[in-house]
Amino acid sequence: MDFPAHIVPELLRWLTTALAALWLVIATRRMPRERLTESGFIHVLFGASIGVLLLWSLRAGVPPVFNFHLLGVTVLTLMLGWHFASLAVALALLGITLNGQAEWASFGINFLVMGAIPIALTWRLLQLVQRRLPHNFFIYVYINGFLAAGLSILAATGVGVGLLWLTGARTNAWLEYQYLPFFPLMVFAEALLNGMVMTLLVALRPAWVCSFDDELYINGK
C-alpha cells in the first residue's frame, strides 16, 4: 500500500522523510561499492528496480485512501543485499512518483512502509536461517523466499493500517470493512510471487542472487 499525502499528518510526513533519508544515507555509506565494478551488476540493479516499478504500477484501490499492489521487495533484498535493495526501492518509488502514481510529500512514509520494513525483515530472517538451520536449497526457497515475502507484506500493511488508525485518518470499523478482508489474499499472492521468482533465479541465474551460493546450498547435498 502507499499513502496519499492528504491523509498523513504533516508532522508524520516530516518524521518519516527524515527517517527514510537517514536509512538511505546509512545504506549508501555501508554498501559494498566494489560490487558496482562487477560485470553486469549495474544492469541487474537497474533491471530489478524497473521490475519493481512496473509491479507497483499494477494496482487496485479503495479510493481515496488505499492502493493495493504487491511489493516484490523480498526478491530485491535476496538478489542485491539490503544496501542495494534500499537504493532499488528508492529508484522504483522515484519512478512511480514522477509518473504521478505517488506524491512527493509522502515519499518518506511510502519508502519506510513499502521498502525499509520488508527489507529489514527479509534480511534479518535470512541471517537467522543461515545461522540456525541447515544450508539447504528448499529451506532457502521456502523460508527466505515464500515465508519472508508473506511476512514482509503482512508487516508492511499492518504498520500502514496501524498508522492510519493511530492518526485518526480512518476508523477501526472502516479498516475492518474496507481493508482487513484483503489481507489473506495479499499475503498469499506476495509469498507466491516472490517464492516463484526466487526459485527461477537461483535455478537459472544464481550469479544474480548475492544471498545464494551453489557451494553452500546445492553442491554435495
N, C-alpha and C. Protein backbone atom coordinates (compact mmCIF):
# COMPACT_ATOMS: atom_id res chain seq x y z
N MET A 1 0.84 -1.19 0.00
CA MET A 1 0.00 0.00 0.00
C MET A 1 0.88 1.24 0.00
N ASP A 2 0.41 2.30 -0.61
CA ASP A 2 1.09 3.58 -0.50
C ASP A 2 0.09 4.63 -0.03
N PHE A 3 0.61 5.70 0.51
CA PHE A 3 -0.20 6.68 1.22
C PHE A 3 -0.37 7.97 0.41
N PRO A 4 -1.59 8.40 0.15
CA PRO A 4 -1.81 9.76 -0.33
C PRO A 4 -1.40 10.75 0.75
N ALA A 5 -0.79 11.86 0.35
CA ALA A 5 -0.25 12.80 1.33
C ALA A 5 -1.32 13.41 2.22
N HIS A 6 -2.54 13.58 1.69
CA HIS A 6 -3.54 14.33 2.45
C HIS A 6 -4.05 13.58 3.67
N ILE A 7 -3.81 12.27 3.75
CA ILE A 7 -4.31 11.53 4.91
C ILE A 7 -3.23 11.36 5.98
N VAL A 8 -2.00 11.82 5.70
CA VAL A 8 -0.90 11.66 6.63
C VAL A 8 -0.64 13.01 7.30
N PRO A 9 -0.66 13.07 8.63
CA PRO A 9 -0.37 14.34 9.31
C PRO A 9 1.00 14.89 8.91
N GLU A 10 1.08 16.21 8.87
CA GLU A 10 2.32 16.85 8.40
C GLU A 10 3.53 16.46 9.24
N LEU A 11 3.36 16.40 10.56
CA LEU A 11 4.47 16.02 11.43
C LEU A 11 4.97 14.61 11.10
N LEU A 12 4.04 13.69 10.84
CA LEU A 12 4.42 12.33 10.50
C LEU A 12 5.13 12.29 9.15
N ARG A 13 4.69 13.12 8.21
CA ARG A 13 5.37 13.17 6.91
C ARG A 13 6.82 13.63 7.06
N TRP A 14 7.04 14.68 7.86
CA TRP A 14 8.40 15.18 8.07
C TRP A 14 9.26 14.14 8.80
N LEU A 15 8.69 13.49 9.80
CA LEU A 15 9.44 12.50 10.57
C LEU A 15 9.84 11.31 9.71
N THR A 16 8.90 10.80 8.93
CA THR A 16 9.21 9.64 8.09
C THR A 16 10.16 10.00 6.96
N THR A 17 10.08 11.22 6.46
CA THR A 17 11.03 11.66 5.44
C THR A 17 12.44 11.70 6.01
N ALA A 18 12.58 12.20 7.23
CA ALA A 18 13.90 12.23 7.87
C ALA A 18 14.43 10.82 8.11
N LEU A 19 13.57 9.91 8.57
CA LEU A 19 14.00 8.54 8.81
C LEU A 19 14.38 7.84 7.51
N ALA A 20 13.62 8.08 6.44
CA ALA A 20 13.94 7.48 5.15
C ALA A 20 15.28 8.00 4.63
N ALA A 21 15.51 9.30 4.79
CA ALA A 21 16.78 9.88 4.36
C ALA A 21 17.94 9.27 5.15
N LEU A 22 17.75 9.12 6.47
CA LEU A 22 18.79 8.51 7.31
C LEU A 22 19.07 7.07 6.88
N TRP A 23 18.01 6.32 6.61
CA TRP A 23 18.16 4.93 6.15
C TRP A 23 18.99 4.88 4.87
N LEU A 24 18.68 5.74 3.91
CA LEU A 24 19.38 5.74 2.63
C LEU A 24 20.84 6.19 2.79
N VAL A 25 21.09 7.14 3.68
CA VAL A 25 22.47 7.56 3.92
C VAL A 25 23.29 6.41 4.50
N ILE A 26 22.73 5.72 5.49
CA ILE A 26 23.44 4.58 6.10
C ILE A 26 23.67 3.48 5.07
N ALA A 27 22.63 3.18 4.28
CA ALA A 27 22.77 2.14 3.26
C ALA A 27 23.84 2.50 2.24
N THR A 28 23.88 3.76 1.84
CA THR A 28 24.86 4.20 0.85
C THR A 28 26.28 4.15 1.41
N ARG A 29 26.44 4.55 2.66
CA ARG A 29 27.77 4.56 3.28
C ARG A 29 28.30 3.15 3.50
N ARG A 30 27.39 2.20 3.78
CA ARG A 30 27.82 0.84 4.11
C ARG A 30 27.79 -0.12 2.94
N MET A 31 27.25 0.29 1.81
CA MET A 31 27.13 -0.64 0.70
C MET A 31 28.51 -1.06 0.17
N PRO A 32 28.67 -2.31 -0.21
CA PRO A 32 29.95 -2.77 -0.78
C PRO A 32 30.13 -2.23 -2.19
N ARG A 33 30.81 -1.10 -2.32
CA ARG A 33 30.91 -0.41 -3.61
C ARG A 33 31.67 -1.20 -4.66
N GLU A 34 32.48 -2.16 -4.20
CA GLU A 34 33.22 -2.95 -5.19
C GLU A 34 32.29 -3.75 -6.09
N ARG A 35 31.07 -3.98 -5.62
CA ARG A 35 30.12 -4.72 -6.46
C ARG A 35 29.72 -3.91 -7.69
N LEU A 36 29.82 -2.60 -7.59
CA LEU A 36 29.45 -1.75 -8.72
C LEU A 36 30.37 -1.96 -9.92
N THR A 37 31.56 -2.50 -9.66
CA THR A 37 32.51 -2.74 -10.74
C THR A 37 32.38 -4.15 -11.32
N GLU A 38 31.54 -4.98 -10.69
CA GLU A 38 31.35 -6.34 -11.20
C GLU A 38 30.61 -6.29 -12.53
N SER A 39 31.00 -7.20 -13.41
CA SER A 39 30.40 -7.24 -14.74
C SER A 39 28.89 -7.50 -14.67
N GLY A 40 28.12 -6.60 -15.22
CA GLY A 40 26.68 -6.79 -15.32
C GLY A 40 25.89 -6.39 -14.10
N PHE A 41 26.56 -6.02 -12.98
CA PHE A 41 25.80 -5.75 -11.75
C PHE A 41 24.91 -4.53 -11.90
N ILE A 42 25.42 -3.48 -12.53
CA ILE A 42 24.61 -2.27 -12.71
C ILE A 42 23.35 -2.58 -13.50
N HIS A 43 23.48 -3.43 -14.53
CA HIS A 43 22.30 -3.81 -15.31
C HIS A 43 21.29 -4.57 -14.45
N VAL A 44 21.79 -5.45 -13.60
CA VAL A 44 20.90 -6.21 -12.71
C VAL A 44 20.21 -5.26 -11.74
N LEU A 45 20.96 -4.31 -11.19
CA LEU A 45 20.39 -3.36 -10.23
C LEU A 45 19.27 -2.53 -10.87
N PHE A 46 19.53 -1.94 -12.01
CA PHE A 46 18.52 -1.10 -12.64
C PHE A 46 17.39 -1.95 -13.22
N GLY A 47 17.71 -3.13 -13.72
CA GLY A 47 16.65 -4.01 -14.21
C GLY A 47 15.70 -4.42 -13.10
N ALA A 48 16.25 -4.74 -11.93
CA ALA A 48 15.40 -5.10 -10.78
C ALA A 48 14.56 -3.91 -10.34
N SER A 49 15.14 -2.71 -10.35
CA SER A 49 14.39 -1.50 -9.98
C SER A 49 13.22 -1.28 -10.92
N ILE A 50 13.46 -1.45 -12.20
CA ILE A 50 12.39 -1.27 -13.19
C ILE A 50 11.31 -2.32 -13.01
N GLY A 51 11.73 -3.56 -12.70
CA GLY A 51 10.75 -4.61 -12.47
C GLY A 51 9.82 -4.28 -11.31
N VAL A 52 10.38 -3.75 -10.22
CA VAL A 52 9.55 -3.37 -9.08
C VAL A 52 8.68 -2.16 -9.42
N LEU A 53 9.24 -1.22 -10.17
CA LEU A 53 8.45 -0.07 -10.60
C LEU A 53 7.22 -0.52 -11.39
N LEU A 54 7.40 -1.45 -12.31
CA LEU A 54 6.28 -1.95 -13.10
C LEU A 54 5.28 -2.69 -12.21
N LEU A 55 5.79 -3.45 -11.25
CA LEU A 55 4.91 -4.18 -10.34
C LEU A 55 4.07 -3.22 -9.52
N TRP A 56 4.68 -2.15 -9.04
CA TRP A 56 3.96 -1.17 -8.23
C TRP A 56 2.98 -0.35 -9.08
N SER A 57 3.19 -0.33 -10.37
CA SER A 57 2.28 0.41 -11.25
C SER A 57 0.99 -0.37 -11.50
N LEU A 58 1.01 -1.68 -11.24
CA LEU A 58 -0.17 -2.52 -11.40
C LEU A 58 -0.90 -2.55 -10.07
N ARG A 59 -1.99 -1.84 -9.95
CA ARG A 59 -2.61 -1.67 -8.65
C ARG A 59 -4.12 -1.62 -8.76
N ALA A 60 -4.74 -1.95 -7.63
CA ALA A 60 -6.18 -1.73 -7.46
C ALA A 60 -6.30 -0.82 -6.25
N GLY A 61 -7.48 -0.28 -6.00
CA GLY A 61 -7.57 0.67 -4.92
C GLY A 61 -8.92 0.75 -4.27
N VAL A 62 -8.91 1.35 -3.08
CA VAL A 62 -10.13 1.73 -2.37
C VAL A 62 -10.06 3.24 -2.23
N PRO A 63 -10.54 4.00 -3.23
CA PRO A 63 -10.39 5.45 -3.23
C PRO A 63 -11.04 6.07 -1.99
N PRO A 64 -10.44 7.14 -1.47
CA PRO A 64 -9.22 7.79 -1.95
C PRO A 64 -8.01 7.44 -1.10
N VAL A 65 -8.05 6.33 -0.35
CA VAL A 65 -7.02 6.07 0.64
C VAL A 65 -6.01 5.02 0.20
N PHE A 66 -6.48 3.86 -0.20
CA PHE A 66 -5.57 2.74 -0.39
C PHE A 66 -5.31 2.43 -1.85
N ASN A 67 -4.06 2.10 -2.13
CA ASN A 67 -3.69 1.48 -3.39
C ASN A 67 -3.08 0.13 -3.07
N PHE A 68 -3.71 -0.91 -3.57
CA PHE A 68 -3.21 -2.26 -3.35
C PHE A 68 -2.25 -2.64 -4.46
N HIS A 69 -1.09 -3.11 -4.09
CA HIS A 69 -0.19 -3.70 -5.08
C HIS A 69 0.81 -4.59 -4.34
N LEU A 70 1.36 -5.55 -5.06
CA LEU A 70 2.38 -6.40 -4.47
C LEU A 70 3.68 -5.62 -4.37
N LEU A 71 4.60 -6.10 -3.54
CA LEU A 71 5.82 -5.36 -3.26
C LEU A 71 7.04 -5.86 -4.03
N GLY A 72 7.29 -7.16 -3.99
CA GLY A 72 8.47 -7.70 -4.67
C GLY A 72 9.78 -7.34 -4.01
N VAL A 73 9.75 -6.78 -2.81
CA VAL A 73 10.97 -6.30 -2.15
C VAL A 73 11.80 -7.44 -1.60
N THR A 74 11.18 -8.56 -1.26
CA THR A 74 11.95 -9.71 -0.81
C THR A 74 12.91 -10.19 -1.89
N VAL A 75 12.46 -10.22 -3.12
CA VAL A 75 13.33 -10.59 -4.23
C VAL A 75 14.49 -9.61 -4.35
N LEU A 76 14.20 -8.32 -4.28
CA LEU A 76 15.27 -7.32 -4.34
C LEU A 76 16.31 -7.54 -3.25
N THR A 77 15.85 -7.80 -2.04
CA THR A 77 16.76 -7.94 -0.91
C THR A 77 17.64 -9.17 -1.06
N LEU A 78 17.05 -10.29 -1.45
CA LEU A 78 17.83 -11.52 -1.62
C LEU A 78 18.78 -11.42 -2.81
N MET A 79 18.37 -10.71 -3.85
CA MET A 79 19.23 -10.53 -5.02
C MET A 79 20.41 -9.60 -4.74
N LEU A 80 20.12 -8.45 -4.14
CA LEU A 80 21.07 -7.36 -4.11
C LEU A 80 21.72 -7.11 -2.76
N GLY A 81 21.14 -7.67 -1.68
CA GLY A 81 21.56 -7.29 -0.35
C GLY A 81 20.78 -6.06 0.10
N TRP A 82 20.74 -5.82 1.42
CA TRP A 82 19.85 -4.76 1.91
C TRP A 82 20.29 -3.38 1.46
N HIS A 83 21.60 -3.17 1.27
CA HIS A 83 22.07 -1.84 0.89
C HIS A 83 21.55 -1.46 -0.50
N PHE A 84 21.84 -2.32 -1.48
CA PHE A 84 21.43 -2.02 -2.85
C PHE A 84 19.92 -2.18 -3.03
N ALA A 85 19.29 -3.04 -2.24
CA ALA A 85 17.83 -3.15 -2.30
C ALA A 85 17.18 -1.83 -1.87
N SER A 86 17.77 -1.17 -0.89
CA SER A 86 17.25 0.13 -0.46
C SER A 86 17.34 1.14 -1.60
N LEU A 87 18.46 1.14 -2.30
CA LEU A 87 18.63 2.03 -3.44
C LEU A 87 17.62 1.70 -4.54
N ALA A 88 17.42 0.41 -4.81
CA ALA A 88 16.48 -0.01 -5.85
C ALA A 88 15.05 0.40 -5.50
N VAL A 89 14.67 0.26 -4.23
CA VAL A 89 13.33 0.69 -3.80
C VAL A 89 13.17 2.20 -3.98
N ALA A 90 14.21 2.96 -3.62
CA ALA A 90 14.14 4.41 -3.79
C ALA A 90 13.98 4.79 -5.26
N LEU A 91 14.68 4.09 -6.14
CA LEU A 91 14.56 4.36 -7.57
C LEU A 91 13.16 4.02 -8.08
N ALA A 92 12.63 2.87 -7.64
CA ALA A 92 11.28 2.48 -8.06
C ALA A 92 10.24 3.48 -7.56
N LEU A 93 10.38 3.91 -6.30
CA LEU A 93 9.44 4.88 -5.75
C LEU A 93 9.57 6.23 -6.45
N LEU A 94 10.80 6.60 -6.80
CA LEU A 94 11.02 7.82 -7.58
C LEU A 94 10.29 7.74 -8.91
N GLY A 95 10.35 6.56 -9.53
CA GLY A 95 9.69 6.37 -10.82
C GLY A 95 8.18 6.53 -10.74
N ILE A 96 7.54 5.89 -9.78
CA ILE A 96 6.08 6.00 -9.71
C ILE A 96 5.66 7.39 -9.23
N THR A 97 6.54 8.07 -8.49
CA THR A 97 6.23 9.44 -8.07
C THR A 97 6.29 10.38 -9.26
N LEU A 98 7.33 10.25 -10.07
CA LEU A 98 7.44 11.06 -11.28
C LEU A 98 6.30 10.78 -12.26
N ASN A 99 5.80 9.54 -12.20
CA ASN A 99 4.70 9.15 -13.08
C ASN A 99 3.34 9.60 -12.57
N GLY A 100 3.32 10.21 -11.39
CA GLY A 100 2.07 10.71 -10.83
C GLY A 100 1.27 9.70 -10.06
N GLN A 101 1.83 8.50 -9.81
CA GLN A 101 1.09 7.48 -9.07
C GLN A 101 1.36 7.52 -7.57
N ALA A 102 2.25 8.38 -7.16
CA ALA A 102 2.51 8.62 -5.74
C ALA A 102 2.86 10.10 -5.59
N GLU A 103 2.85 10.59 -4.35
CA GLU A 103 3.07 12.01 -4.10
C GLU A 103 4.40 12.25 -3.41
N TRP A 104 5.06 13.36 -3.76
CA TRP A 104 6.35 13.69 -3.16
C TRP A 104 6.25 13.83 -1.66
N ALA A 105 5.16 14.40 -1.18
CA ALA A 105 5.03 14.65 0.26
C ALA A 105 4.99 13.37 1.08
N SER A 106 4.57 12.28 0.46
CA SER A 106 4.50 11.00 1.19
C SER A 106 5.63 10.05 0.79
N PHE A 107 6.68 10.58 0.14
CA PHE A 107 7.80 9.74 -0.29
C PHE A 107 8.43 9.00 0.90
N GLY A 108 8.64 9.72 2.00
CA GLY A 108 9.30 9.11 3.15
C GLY A 108 8.52 7.97 3.76
N ILE A 109 7.22 8.19 4.01
CA ILE A 109 6.42 7.13 4.63
C ILE A 109 6.24 5.96 3.68
N ASN A 110 6.11 6.24 2.38
CA ASN A 110 6.00 5.15 1.41
C ASN A 110 7.28 4.33 1.36
N PHE A 111 8.42 5.01 1.42
CA PHE A 111 9.69 4.28 1.39
C PHE A 111 9.84 3.38 2.61
N LEU A 112 9.50 3.90 3.79
CA LEU A 112 9.65 3.11 5.00
C LEU A 112 8.70 1.91 5.03
N VAL A 113 7.44 2.16 4.67
CA VAL A 113 6.44 1.09 4.76
C VAL A 113 6.63 0.05 3.65
N MET A 114 6.82 0.50 2.41
CA MET A 114 6.92 -0.44 1.29
C MET A 114 8.33 -0.95 1.05
N GLY A 115 9.34 -0.26 1.62
CA GLY A 115 10.72 -0.65 1.37
C GLY A 115 11.48 -1.08 2.59
N ALA A 116 11.66 -0.16 3.54
CA ALA A 116 12.53 -0.44 4.68
C ALA A 116 12.04 -1.60 5.54
N ILE A 117 10.75 -1.64 5.81
CA ILE A 117 10.22 -2.72 6.65
C ILE A 117 10.39 -4.09 6.00
N PRO A 118 9.98 -4.29 4.74
CA PRO A 118 10.22 -5.60 4.10
C PRO A 118 11.70 -5.93 3.96
N ILE A 119 12.53 -4.94 3.67
CA ILE A 119 13.97 -5.20 3.54
C ILE A 119 14.54 -5.67 4.87
N ALA A 120 14.23 -4.97 5.94
CA ALA A 120 14.77 -5.33 7.25
C ALA A 120 14.30 -6.71 7.68
N LEU A 121 13.02 -7.01 7.49
CA LEU A 121 12.50 -8.31 7.89
C LEU A 121 13.12 -9.44 7.06
N THR A 122 13.20 -9.25 5.75
CA THR A 122 13.77 -10.28 4.89
C THR A 122 15.23 -10.54 5.21
N TRP A 123 16.00 -9.47 5.39
CA TRP A 123 17.43 -9.63 5.66
C TRP A 123 17.69 -10.26 7.02
N ARG A 124 16.90 -9.87 8.01
CA ARG A 124 17.06 -10.45 9.34
C ARG A 124 16.68 -11.92 9.33
N LEU A 125 15.61 -12.28 8.66
CA LEU A 125 15.22 -13.68 8.57
C LEU A 125 16.28 -14.50 7.85
N LEU A 126 16.87 -13.95 6.80
CA LEU A 126 17.95 -14.63 6.09
C LEU A 126 19.11 -14.92 7.03
N GLN A 127 19.51 -13.95 7.83
CA GLN A 127 20.61 -14.14 8.76
C GLN A 127 20.29 -15.21 9.80
N LEU A 128 19.08 -15.19 10.31
CA LEU A 128 18.66 -16.19 11.30
C LEU A 128 18.67 -17.59 10.72
N VAL A 129 18.13 -17.73 9.50
CA VAL A 129 18.08 -19.04 8.86
C VAL A 129 19.48 -19.56 8.57
N GLN A 130 20.36 -18.68 8.11
CA GLN A 130 21.73 -19.11 7.81
C GLN A 130 22.47 -19.57 9.06
N ARG A 131 22.14 -18.98 10.21
CA ARG A 131 22.82 -19.35 11.46
C ARG A 131 22.19 -20.57 12.12
N ARG A 132 20.87 -20.69 12.03
CA ARG A 132 20.17 -21.69 12.87
C ARG A 132 19.74 -22.95 12.13
N LEU A 133 19.57 -22.88 10.80
CA LEU A 133 19.03 -24.02 10.07
C LEU A 133 20.06 -24.58 9.09
N PRO A 134 19.87 -25.83 8.65
CA PRO A 134 20.81 -26.40 7.67
C PRO A 134 20.80 -25.61 6.37
N HIS A 135 21.95 -25.59 5.71
CA HIS A 135 22.06 -24.91 4.43
C HIS A 135 21.51 -25.82 3.34
N ASN A 136 20.24 -25.59 3.02
CA ASN A 136 19.51 -26.46 2.12
C ASN A 136 18.74 -25.61 1.11
N PHE A 137 18.72 -26.06 -0.14
CA PHE A 137 18.06 -25.30 -1.20
C PHE A 137 16.59 -25.05 -0.88
N PHE A 138 15.89 -26.06 -0.41
CA PHE A 138 14.46 -25.92 -0.17
C PHE A 138 14.18 -25.03 1.04
N ILE A 139 15.04 -25.07 2.06
CA ILE A 139 14.90 -24.16 3.19
C ILE A 139 15.07 -22.72 2.71
N TYR A 140 16.06 -22.51 1.85
CA TYR A 140 16.30 -21.16 1.32
C TYR A 140 15.08 -20.65 0.56
N VAL A 141 14.56 -21.45 -0.34
CA VAL A 141 13.45 -21.01 -1.18
C VAL A 141 12.17 -20.83 -0.37
N TYR A 142 11.83 -21.81 0.46
CA TYR A 142 10.53 -21.75 1.14
C TYR A 142 10.52 -20.76 2.30
N ILE A 143 11.62 -20.66 3.03
CA ILE A 143 11.63 -19.74 4.17
C ILE A 143 12.06 -18.34 3.74
N ASN A 144 13.19 -18.24 3.05
CA ASN A 144 13.69 -16.91 2.66
C ASN A 144 12.95 -16.33 1.47
N GLY A 145 12.31 -17.18 0.68
CA GLY A 145 11.54 -16.70 -0.46
C GLY A 145 10.07 -16.55 -0.12
N PHE A 146 9.38 -17.67 0.02
CA PHE A 146 7.94 -17.65 0.25
C PHE A 146 7.58 -17.02 1.60
N LEU A 147 8.12 -17.57 2.69
CA LEU A 147 7.71 -17.11 4.03
C LEU A 147 8.10 -15.66 4.28
N ALA A 148 9.34 -15.30 3.93
CA ALA A 148 9.79 -13.93 4.17
C ALA A 148 8.93 -12.92 3.43
N ALA A 149 8.53 -13.25 2.20
CA ALA A 149 7.69 -12.33 1.43
C ALA A 149 6.32 -12.17 2.07
N GLY A 150 5.73 -13.28 2.51
CA GLY A 150 4.42 -13.19 3.16
C GLY A 150 4.48 -12.38 4.45
N LEU A 151 5.52 -12.63 5.25
CA LEU A 151 5.66 -11.87 6.49
C LEU A 151 5.95 -10.40 6.22
N SER A 152 6.67 -10.13 5.14
CA SER A 152 7.03 -8.75 4.82
C SER A 152 5.81 -7.91 4.48
N ILE A 153 4.95 -8.43 3.61
CA ILE A 153 3.77 -7.64 3.25
C ILE A 153 2.78 -7.58 4.41
N LEU A 154 2.76 -8.62 5.24
CA LEU A 154 1.92 -8.58 6.43
C LEU A 154 2.39 -7.48 7.38
N ALA A 155 3.71 -7.39 7.57
CA ALA A 155 4.25 -6.35 8.45
C ALA A 155 4.04 -4.97 7.86
N ALA A 156 4.30 -4.82 6.56
CA ALA A 156 4.16 -3.51 5.92
C ALA A 156 2.73 -3.01 5.97
N THR A 157 1.79 -3.85 5.59
CA THR A 157 0.40 -3.42 5.60
C THR A 157 -0.12 -3.25 7.02
N GLY A 158 0.37 -4.09 7.94
CA GLY A 158 -0.02 -3.94 9.34
C GLY A 158 0.41 -2.60 9.91
N VAL A 159 1.65 -2.21 9.62
CA VAL A 159 2.14 -0.90 10.07
C VAL A 159 1.34 0.22 9.41
N GLY A 160 1.06 0.07 8.13
CA GLY A 160 0.29 1.10 7.43
C GLY A 160 -1.08 1.28 8.02
N VAL A 161 -1.78 0.18 8.26
CA VAL A 161 -3.11 0.26 8.86
C VAL A 161 -3.03 0.84 10.27
N GLY A 162 -2.00 0.42 11.02
CA GLY A 162 -1.83 0.94 12.37
C GLY A 162 -1.63 2.45 12.38
N LEU A 163 -0.84 2.95 11.44
CA LEU A 163 -0.62 4.40 11.36
C LEU A 163 -1.91 5.14 11.03
N LEU A 164 -2.70 4.59 10.11
CA LEU A 164 -3.97 5.23 9.76
C LEU A 164 -4.92 5.26 10.95
N TRP A 165 -4.91 4.20 11.73
CA TRP A 165 -5.79 4.14 12.90
C TRP A 165 -5.30 5.07 14.00
N LEU A 166 -4.00 5.06 14.28
CA LEU A 166 -3.45 5.88 15.35
C LEU A 166 -3.58 7.37 15.06
N THR A 167 -3.42 7.75 13.80
CA THR A 167 -3.52 9.17 13.44
C THR A 167 -4.96 9.62 13.24
N GLY A 168 -5.89 8.68 13.29
CA GLY A 168 -7.29 9.04 13.13
C GLY A 168 -7.72 9.25 11.70
N ALA A 169 -6.87 8.86 10.74
CA ALA A 169 -7.23 9.03 9.33
C ALA A 169 -8.42 8.16 8.96
N ARG A 170 -8.51 6.99 9.56
CA ARG A 170 -9.64 6.10 9.32
C ARG A 170 -10.00 5.38 10.61
N THR A 171 -11.28 5.08 10.78
CA THR A 171 -11.75 4.41 11.98
C THR A 171 -11.47 2.92 11.91
N ASN A 172 -11.52 2.29 13.06
CA ASN A 172 -11.31 0.85 13.13
C ASN A 172 -12.38 0.12 12.33
N ALA A 173 -13.62 0.57 12.42
CA ALA A 173 -14.71 -0.08 11.69
C ALA A 173 -14.49 0.02 10.19
N TRP A 174 -14.05 1.20 9.71
CA TRP A 174 -13.80 1.37 8.27
C TRP A 174 -12.70 0.44 7.80
N LEU A 175 -11.62 0.34 8.58
CA LEU A 175 -10.50 -0.51 8.21
C LEU A 175 -10.91 -1.98 8.17
N GLU A 176 -11.70 -2.39 9.15
CA GLU A 176 -12.15 -3.78 9.19
C GLU A 176 -13.02 -4.11 7.99
N TYR A 177 -13.79 -3.16 7.53
CA TYR A 177 -14.70 -3.42 6.41
C TYR A 177 -14.02 -3.30 5.05
N GLN A 178 -13.18 -2.26 4.89
CA GLN A 178 -12.64 -1.93 3.58
C GLN A 178 -11.28 -2.58 3.29
N TYR A 179 -10.52 -2.91 4.32
CA TYR A 179 -9.13 -3.30 4.06
C TYR A 179 -8.75 -4.66 4.62
N LEU A 180 -9.05 -4.92 5.88
CA LEU A 180 -8.57 -6.15 6.51
C LEU A 180 -9.01 -7.43 5.80
N PRO A 181 -10.19 -7.49 5.17
CA PRO A 181 -10.56 -8.71 4.46
C PRO A 181 -9.62 -9.08 3.32
N PHE A 182 -8.86 -8.10 2.81
CA PHE A 182 -7.95 -8.39 1.70
C PHE A 182 -6.59 -8.89 2.17
N PHE A 183 -6.32 -8.86 3.47
CA PHE A 183 -5.03 -9.28 3.99
C PHE A 183 -4.61 -10.67 3.52
N PRO A 184 -5.45 -11.70 3.71
CA PRO A 184 -5.01 -13.05 3.31
C PRO A 184 -4.67 -13.15 1.83
N LEU A 185 -5.44 -12.50 0.98
CA LEU A 185 -5.16 -12.55 -0.46
C LEU A 185 -3.81 -11.92 -0.78
N MET A 186 -3.52 -10.77 -0.17
CA MET A 186 -2.26 -10.08 -0.41
C MET A 186 -1.07 -10.89 0.08
N VAL A 187 -1.20 -11.48 1.26
CA VAL A 187 -0.10 -12.27 1.81
C VAL A 187 0.18 -13.48 0.93
N PHE A 188 -0.86 -14.19 0.52
CA PHE A 188 -0.67 -15.37 -0.32
C PHE A 188 -0.05 -15.00 -1.66
N ALA A 189 -0.58 -13.94 -2.29
CA ALA A 189 -0.07 -13.54 -3.60
C ALA A 189 1.38 -13.08 -3.53
N GLU A 190 1.73 -12.32 -2.50
CA GLU A 190 3.10 -11.84 -2.33
C GLU A 190 4.07 -13.00 -2.10
N ALA A 191 3.67 -13.94 -1.25
CA ALA A 191 4.52 -15.09 -0.99
C ALA A 191 4.72 -15.93 -2.25
N LEU A 192 3.64 -16.14 -2.99
CA LEU A 192 3.72 -16.95 -4.20
C LEU A 192 4.61 -16.28 -5.26
N LEU A 193 4.40 -14.99 -5.47
CA LEU A 193 5.18 -14.27 -6.48
C LEU A 193 6.67 -14.30 -6.16
N ASN A 194 7.03 -13.90 -4.96
CA ASN A 194 8.44 -13.84 -4.60
C ASN A 194 9.08 -15.22 -4.55
N GLY A 195 8.36 -16.20 -4.03
CA GLY A 195 8.90 -17.55 -3.99
C GLY A 195 9.15 -18.12 -5.37
N MET A 196 8.23 -17.90 -6.29
CA MET A 196 8.41 -18.40 -7.65
C MET A 196 9.57 -17.70 -8.35
N VAL A 197 9.66 -16.38 -8.19
CA VAL A 197 10.75 -15.63 -8.83
C VAL A 197 12.10 -16.07 -8.28
N MET A 198 12.19 -16.26 -6.96
CA MET A 198 13.46 -16.69 -6.37
C MET A 198 13.83 -18.09 -6.82
N THR A 199 12.85 -18.96 -6.96
CA THR A 199 13.13 -20.32 -7.45
C THR A 199 13.72 -20.28 -8.85
N LEU A 200 13.13 -19.45 -9.71
CA LEU A 200 13.64 -19.31 -11.07
C LEU A 200 15.03 -18.68 -11.09
N LEU A 201 15.25 -17.69 -10.26
CA LEU A 201 16.54 -17.00 -10.26
C LEU A 201 17.67 -17.92 -9.79
N VAL A 202 17.45 -18.64 -8.69
CA VAL A 202 18.54 -19.49 -8.19
C VAL A 202 18.76 -20.69 -9.09
N ALA A 203 17.74 -21.06 -9.87
CA ALA A 203 17.90 -22.17 -10.80
C ALA A 203 18.56 -21.74 -12.11
N LEU A 204 18.21 -20.54 -12.60
CA LEU A 204 18.67 -20.12 -13.92
C LEU A 204 19.74 -19.03 -13.88
N ARG A 205 19.69 -18.15 -12.89
CA ARG A 205 20.63 -17.03 -12.80
C ARG A 205 21.15 -16.87 -11.37
N PRO A 206 21.79 -17.89 -10.81
CA PRO A 206 22.25 -17.78 -9.42
C PRO A 206 23.28 -16.67 -9.21
N ALA A 207 24.00 -16.30 -10.26
CA ALA A 207 25.00 -15.23 -10.13
C ALA A 207 24.35 -13.89 -9.83
N TRP A 208 23.06 -13.75 -10.10
CA TRP A 208 22.35 -12.50 -9.83
C TRP A 208 21.91 -12.39 -8.38
N VAL A 209 22.03 -13.48 -7.62
CA VAL A 209 21.48 -13.54 -6.26
C VAL A 209 22.63 -13.55 -5.26
N CYS A 210 22.86 -12.44 -4.60
CA CYS A 210 24.03 -12.33 -3.71
C CYS A 210 23.91 -13.21 -2.47
N SER A 211 22.67 -13.56 -2.07
CA SER A 211 22.48 -14.34 -0.86
C SER A 211 22.51 -15.84 -1.10
N PHE A 212 22.72 -16.26 -2.35
CA PHE A 212 22.69 -17.69 -2.68
C PHE A 212 24.06 -18.12 -3.18
N ASP A 213 24.49 -19.29 -2.71
CA ASP A 213 25.78 -19.85 -3.10
C ASP A 213 25.60 -21.33 -3.43
N ASP A 214 25.92 -21.72 -4.66
CA ASP A 214 25.78 -23.11 -5.06
C ASP A 214 26.56 -24.05 -4.14
N GLU A 215 27.77 -23.63 -3.76
CA GLU A 215 28.61 -24.47 -2.90
C GLU A 215 27.95 -24.71 -1.55
N LEU A 216 27.23 -23.73 -1.08
CA LEU A 216 26.62 -23.80 0.24
C LEU A 216 25.30 -24.56 0.24
N TYR A 217 24.49 -24.33 -0.80
CA TYR A 217 23.13 -24.84 -0.77
C TYR A 217 22.88 -26.07 -1.64
N ILE A 218 23.73 -26.33 -2.62
CA ILE A 218 23.43 -27.41 -3.55
C ILE A 218 24.54 -28.45 -3.61
N ASN A 219 25.77 -28.03 -3.91
CA ASN A 219 26.86 -28.99 -4.13
C ASN A 219 27.10 -29.84 -2.89
N GLY A 220 27.13 -31.15 -3.12
CA GLY A 220 27.40 -32.09 -2.04
C GLY A 220 26.21 -32.42 -1.18
N LYS A 221 25.03 -31.86 -1.51
CA LYS A 221 23.83 -32.14 -0.70
C LYS A 221 23.17 -33.44 -1.15
